Amino acid sequence: MNTSALIMMLVTEGIVIAFTGYFFYRVLTTKKHGEPDSFTENDDQE
C-alpha cells in the first residue's frame, strides 16, 4: 500500500470514528421527554 492510500484510509477511519463518537455522545446526553414510556401508561388518554 502506498503512502497516499494509507493516509486516505487513516483519514477516512478517523472521520467515521469521530461521527460515531459524536452521535453516541448525543444519544447518551439527551434529555428525557415528559411522555410515558409504555403504551399501558397511556390508557386513560384517547
N, C-alpha and C. Protein backbone atom coordinates (compact mmCIF):
# COMPACT_ATOMS: atom_id res chain seq x y z
N MET A 1 0.86 -1.17 0.00
CA MET A 1 0.00 0.00 0.00
C MET A 1 0.90 1.23 0.00
N ASN A 2 0.60 2.14 -0.91
CA ASN A 2 1.46 3.32 -0.96
C ASN A 2 1.03 4.36 0.08
N THR A 3 1.81 5.41 0.21
CA THR A 3 1.62 6.38 1.28
C THR A 3 0.29 7.13 1.16
N SER A 4 -0.10 7.52 -0.03
CA SER A 4 -1.34 8.28 -0.17
C SER A 4 -2.57 7.42 0.17
N ALA A 5 -2.52 6.15 -0.17
CA ALA A 5 -3.64 5.26 0.18
C ALA A 5 -3.72 5.07 1.69
N LEU A 6 -2.58 4.95 2.34
CA LEU A 6 -2.56 4.79 3.79
C LEU A 6 -3.09 6.03 4.49
N ILE A 7 -2.71 7.20 3.99
CA ILE A 7 -3.19 8.46 4.58
C ILE A 7 -4.70 8.58 4.38
N MET A 8 -5.19 8.26 3.19
CA MET A 8 -6.62 8.36 2.93
C MET A 8 -7.40 7.37 3.81
N MET A 9 -6.88 6.18 4.00
CA MET A 9 -7.54 5.20 4.85
C MET A 9 -7.61 5.69 6.29
N LEU A 10 -6.52 6.23 6.81
CA LEU A 10 -6.49 6.72 8.18
C LEU A 10 -7.41 7.92 8.38
N VAL A 11 -7.45 8.83 7.40
CA VAL A 11 -8.34 9.99 7.50
C VAL A 11 -9.79 9.55 7.47
N THR A 12 -10.12 8.62 6.59
CA THR A 12 -11.49 8.12 6.49
C THR A 12 -11.91 7.42 7.78
N GLU A 13 -11.06 6.57 8.31
CA GLU A 13 -11.37 5.90 9.57
C GLU A 13 -11.51 6.90 10.71
N GLY A 14 -10.69 7.92 10.71
CA GLY A 14 -10.79 8.96 11.74
C GLY A 14 -12.11 9.71 11.67
N ILE A 15 -12.56 10.03 10.45
CA ILE A 15 -13.84 10.72 10.28
C ILE A 15 -14.99 9.84 10.75
N VAL A 16 -14.96 8.57 10.39
CA VAL A 16 -16.02 7.64 10.80
C VAL A 16 -16.05 7.50 12.32
N ILE A 17 -14.89 7.38 12.95
CA ILE A 17 -14.83 7.26 14.40
C ILE A 17 -15.32 8.54 15.06
N ALA A 18 -14.98 9.70 14.49
CA ALA A 18 -15.43 10.97 15.06
C ALA A 18 -16.95 11.10 14.99
N PHE A 19 -17.55 10.77 13.84
CA PHE A 19 -19.01 10.82 13.72
C PHE A 19 -19.68 9.84 14.67
N THR A 20 -19.14 8.64 14.77
CA THR A 20 -19.71 7.64 15.66
C THR A 20 -19.65 8.11 17.11
N GLY A 21 -18.53 8.64 17.51
CA GLY A 21 -18.39 9.14 18.88
C GLY A 21 -19.31 10.31 19.16
N TYR A 22 -19.44 11.22 18.20
CA TYR A 22 -20.31 12.39 18.38
C TYR A 22 -21.76 11.97 18.55
N PHE A 23 -22.26 11.09 17.69
CA PHE A 23 -23.65 10.68 17.80
C PHE A 23 -23.90 9.79 19.01
N PHE A 24 -22.92 8.99 19.41
CA PHE A 24 -23.04 8.20 20.63
C PHE A 24 -23.13 9.12 21.84
N TYR A 25 -22.34 10.17 21.87
CA TYR A 25 -22.40 11.17 22.93
C TYR A 25 -23.76 11.86 22.95
N ARG A 26 -24.28 12.19 21.77
CA ARG A 26 -25.60 12.83 21.69
C ARG A 26 -26.70 11.93 22.24
N VAL A 27 -26.62 10.63 21.95
CA VAL A 27 -27.62 9.68 22.46
C VAL A 27 -27.54 9.60 23.98
N LEU A 28 -26.35 9.59 24.53
CA LEU A 28 -26.20 9.43 25.97
C LEU A 28 -26.57 10.69 26.74
N THR A 29 -26.54 11.85 26.12
CA THR A 29 -26.78 13.10 26.85
C THR A 29 -28.11 13.76 26.50
N THR A 30 -29.01 13.06 25.82
CA THR A 30 -30.31 13.65 25.51
C THR A 30 -31.15 13.74 26.77
N LYS A 31 -31.99 14.75 26.83
CA LYS A 31 -32.87 14.94 27.98
C LYS A 31 -34.09 14.04 27.83
N LYS A 32 -34.63 13.61 28.96
CA LYS A 32 -35.80 12.76 28.94
C LYS A 32 -37.02 13.57 28.56
N HIS A 33 -37.92 12.96 27.82
CA HIS A 33 -39.17 13.60 27.44
C HIS A 33 -40.20 13.35 28.54
N GLY A 34 -41.22 14.18 28.60
CA GLY A 34 -42.26 14.03 29.59
C GLY A 34 -43.32 13.01 29.21
N GLU A 35 -43.11 12.29 28.15
CA GLU A 35 -44.10 11.33 27.67
C GLU A 35 -43.95 10.01 28.41
N PRO A 36 -45.04 9.25 28.53
CA PRO A 36 -44.93 7.93 29.18
C PRO A 36 -44.09 6.97 28.33
N ASP A 37 -43.45 6.03 29.01
CA ASP A 37 -42.55 5.10 28.32
C ASP A 37 -43.26 3.90 27.73
N SER A 38 -44.40 3.53 28.28
CA SER A 38 -45.06 2.34 27.75
C SER A 38 -46.47 2.69 27.30
N PHE A 39 -47.03 1.84 26.50
CA PHE A 39 -48.37 2.06 25.97
C PHE A 39 -49.43 1.89 27.05
N THR A 40 -49.17 1.03 28.04
CA THR A 40 -50.17 0.80 29.09
C THR A 40 -50.33 2.01 29.99
N GLU A 41 -49.32 2.84 30.12
CA GLU A 41 -49.44 4.05 30.92
C GLU A 41 -50.26 5.12 30.21
N ASN A 42 -50.60 4.88 28.98
CA ASN A 42 -51.29 5.86 28.16
C ASN A 42 -52.76 5.48 27.95
N ASP A 43 -53.30 4.55 28.79
CA ASP A 43 -54.65 4.04 28.59
C ASP A 43 -55.73 5.07 28.83
N ASP A 44 -55.52 6.00 29.80
CA ASP A 44 -56.56 6.96 30.11
C ASP A 44 -56.71 8.05 29.04
N GLN A 45 -55.79 8.12 28.13
CA GLN A 45 -55.85 9.12 27.07
C GLN A 45 -56.40 8.48 25.79
N GLU A 46 -57.21 9.21 25.08
CA GLU A 46 -57.77 8.70 23.82
C GLU A 46 -57.07 9.31 22.65
